[in-house]
């Protein structure tokens, strides 16, 4: 998601730059629209770098650990 948002930001920035030069005037929308895509890319990057919670299926993990311990004692 972050890479897609970054690609959208780059595309919209290029389009805004071309429109700014073509029309020879500056409008606030030419900054806001690519800025929203950049904010989305930053948020997606922050969410993607957060570590995952590993407390899923604690009973299953405990059962696998006890089975592995039992197999170690048998061999």
C-alpha atoms as a PDB file:
ATOM      1  CA  UNK A   1       0.000   0.000   0.000  1.00  0.00           C
ATOM      2  CA  UNK A   2       2.825   2.369   0.828  1.00  0.00           C
ATOM      3  CA  UNK A   3       4.553   1.764  -2.502  1.00  0.00           C
ATOM      4  CA  UNK A   4       1.303   2.298  -4.385  1.00  0.00           C
ATOM      5  CA  UNK A   5       0.618   5.546  -2.514  1.00  0.00           C
ATOM      6  CA  UNK A   6       4.166   6.705  -3.225  1.00  0.00           C
ATOM      7  CA  UNK A   7       3.713   5.965  -6.935  1.00  0.00           C
ATOM      8  CA  UNK A   8       0.437   7.909  -6.932  1.00  0.00           C
ATOM      9  CA  UNK A   9       2.202  10.787  -5.168  1.00  0.00           C
ATOM     10  CA  UNK A  10       4.950  10.869  -7.796  1.00  0.00           C
ATOM     11  CA  UNK A  11       2.446  10.745 -10.661  1.00  0.00           C
ATOM     12  CA  UNK A  12       0.247  13.465  -9.190  1.00  0.00           C
ATOM     13  CA  UNK A  13       3.274  15.635  -8.406  1.00  0.00           C
ATOM     14  CA  UNK A  14       4.435  15.389 -11.997  1.00  0.00           C
ATOM     15  CA  UNK A  15       0.976  16.219 -13.289  1.00  0.00           C
ATOM     16  CA  UNK A  16       0.693  19.174 -10.902  1.00  0.00           C
ATOM     17  CA  UNK A  17       4.094  20.449 -11.974  1.00  0.00           C
ATOM     18  CA  UNK A  18       3.180  20.211 -15.657  1.00  0.00           C
ATOM     19  CA  UNK A  19      -0.174  21.919 -15.074  1.00  0.00           C
ATOM     20  CA  UNK A  20       1.504  24.684 -13.100  1.00  0.00           C
ATOM     21  CA  UNK A  21       3.932  25.415 -15.919  1.00  0.00           C
ATOM     22  CA  UNK A  22       1.313  25.007 -18.635  1.00  0.00           C
ATOM     23  CA  UNK A  23      -1.210  27.358 -17.057  1.00  0.00           C
ATOM     24  CA  UNK A  24       1.498  29.710 -15.777  1.00  0.00           C
ATOM     25  CA  UNK A  25      -0.300  30.112 -12.463  1.00  0.00           C
ATOM     26  CA  UNK A  26      -0.247  28.494  -9.050  1.00  0.00           C
ATOM     27  CA  UNK A  27      -3.289  27.017  -7.339  1.00  0.00           C
ATOM     28  CA  UNK A  28      -3.405  25.460  -3.878  1.00  0.00           C
ATOM     29  CA  UNK A  29      -5.009  22.261  -5.218  1.00  0.00           C
ATOM     30  CA  UNK A  30      -1.778  21.524  -7.103  1.00  0.00           C
ATOM     31  CA  UNK A  31      -0.081  21.068  -3.720  1.00  0.00           C
ATOM     32  CA  UNK A  32      -2.919  19.557  -1.683  1.00  0.00           C
ATOM     33  CA  UNK A  33      -3.811  16.629  -3.951  1.00  0.00           C
ATOM     34  CA  UNK A  34      -0.276  15.160  -4.179  1.00  0.00           C
ATOM     35  CA  UNK A  35       0.176  16.010  -0.502  1.00  0.00           C
ATOM     36  CA  UNK A  36      -2.738  13.764   0.435  1.00  0.00           C
ATOM     37  CA  UNK A  37      -1.124  10.875  -1.421  1.00  0.00           C
ATOM     38  CA  UNK A  38       2.159  11.589   0.372  1.00  0.00           C
ATOM     39  CA  UNK A  39       0.423  11.605   3.761  1.00  0.00           C
ATOM     40  CA  UNK A  40      -1.237   8.295   2.882  1.00  0.00           C
ATOM     41  CA  UNK A  41       2.169   6.850   1.919  1.00  0.00           C
ATOM     42  CA  UNK A  42       3.700   7.947   5.225  1.00  0.00           C
ATOM     43  CA  UNK A  43       0.811   6.488   7.233  1.00  0.00           C
ATOM     44  CA  UNK A  44       0.998   3.213   5.301  1.00  0.00           C
ATOM     45  CA  UNK A  45       4.759   3.035   5.895  1.00  0.00           C
ATOM     46  CA  UNK A  46       4.339   3.581   9.630  1.00  0.00           C
ATOM     47  CA  UNK A  47       1.640   0.912   9.838  1.00  0.00           C
ATOM     48  CA  UNK A  48       3.738  -1.514   7.778  1.00  0.00           C
ATOM     49  CA  UNK A  49       6.789  -1.162  10.013  1.00  0.00           C
ATOM     50  CA  UNK A  50       4.945  -1.903  13.262  1.00  0.00           C
ATOM     51  CA  UNK A  51       5.751  -5.392  14.563  1.00  0.00           C
ATOM     52  CA  UNK A  52       3.017  -7.985  14.422  1.00  0.00           C
ATOM     53  CA  UNK A  53       1.560  -9.359  17.612  1.00  0.00           C
ATOM     54  CA  UNK A  54       2.747 -12.918  18.090  1.00  0.00           C
ATOM     55  CA  UNK A  55       0.134 -13.871  20.675  1.00  0.00           C
ATOM     56  CA  UNK A  56      -1.985 -15.750  18.169  1.00  0.00           C
ATOM     57  CA  UNK A  57      -3.060 -19.297  18.943  1.00  0.00           C
ATOM     58  CA  UNK A  58      -1.326 -19.576  22.331  1.00  0.00           C
ATOM     59  CA  UNK A  59      -2.884 -22.987  23.063  1.00  0.00           C
ATOM     60  CA  UNK A  60      -1.656 -24.392  19.759  1.00  0.00           C
ATOM     61  CA  UNK A  61       1.855 -23.067  20.347  1.00  0.00           C
ATOM     62  CA  UNK A  62       1.889 -24.557  23.839  1.00  0.00           C
ATOM     63  CA  UNK A  63       0.753 -27.916  22.443  1.00  0.00           C
ATOM     64  CA  UNK A  64       3.453 -27.860  19.746  1.00  0.00           C
ATOM     65  CA  UNK A  65       6.102 -26.995  22.350  1.00  0.00           C
ATOM     66  CA  UNK A  66       4.996 -29.838  24.616  1.00  0.00           C
ATOM     67  CA  UNK A  67       4.956 -32.264  21.675  1.00  0.00           C
ATOM     68  CA  UNK A  68       8.463 -31.187  20.676  1.00  0.00           C
ATOM     69  CA  UNK A  69       9.647 -31.649  24.261  1.00  0.00           C
ATOM     70  CA  UNK A  70       8.084 -35.126  24.378  1.00  0.00           C
ATOM     71  CA  UNK A  71       9.810 -36.079  21.117  1.00  0.00           C
ATOM     72  CA  UNK A  72      13.156 -34.862  22.480  1.00  0.00           C
ATOM     73  CA  UNK A  73      12.821 -36.990  25.611  1.00  0.00           C
ATOM     74  CA  UNK A  74      11.904 -40.110  23.599  1.00  0.00           C
ATOM     75  CA  UNK A  75      14.929 -39.890  21.315  1.00  0.00           C
END
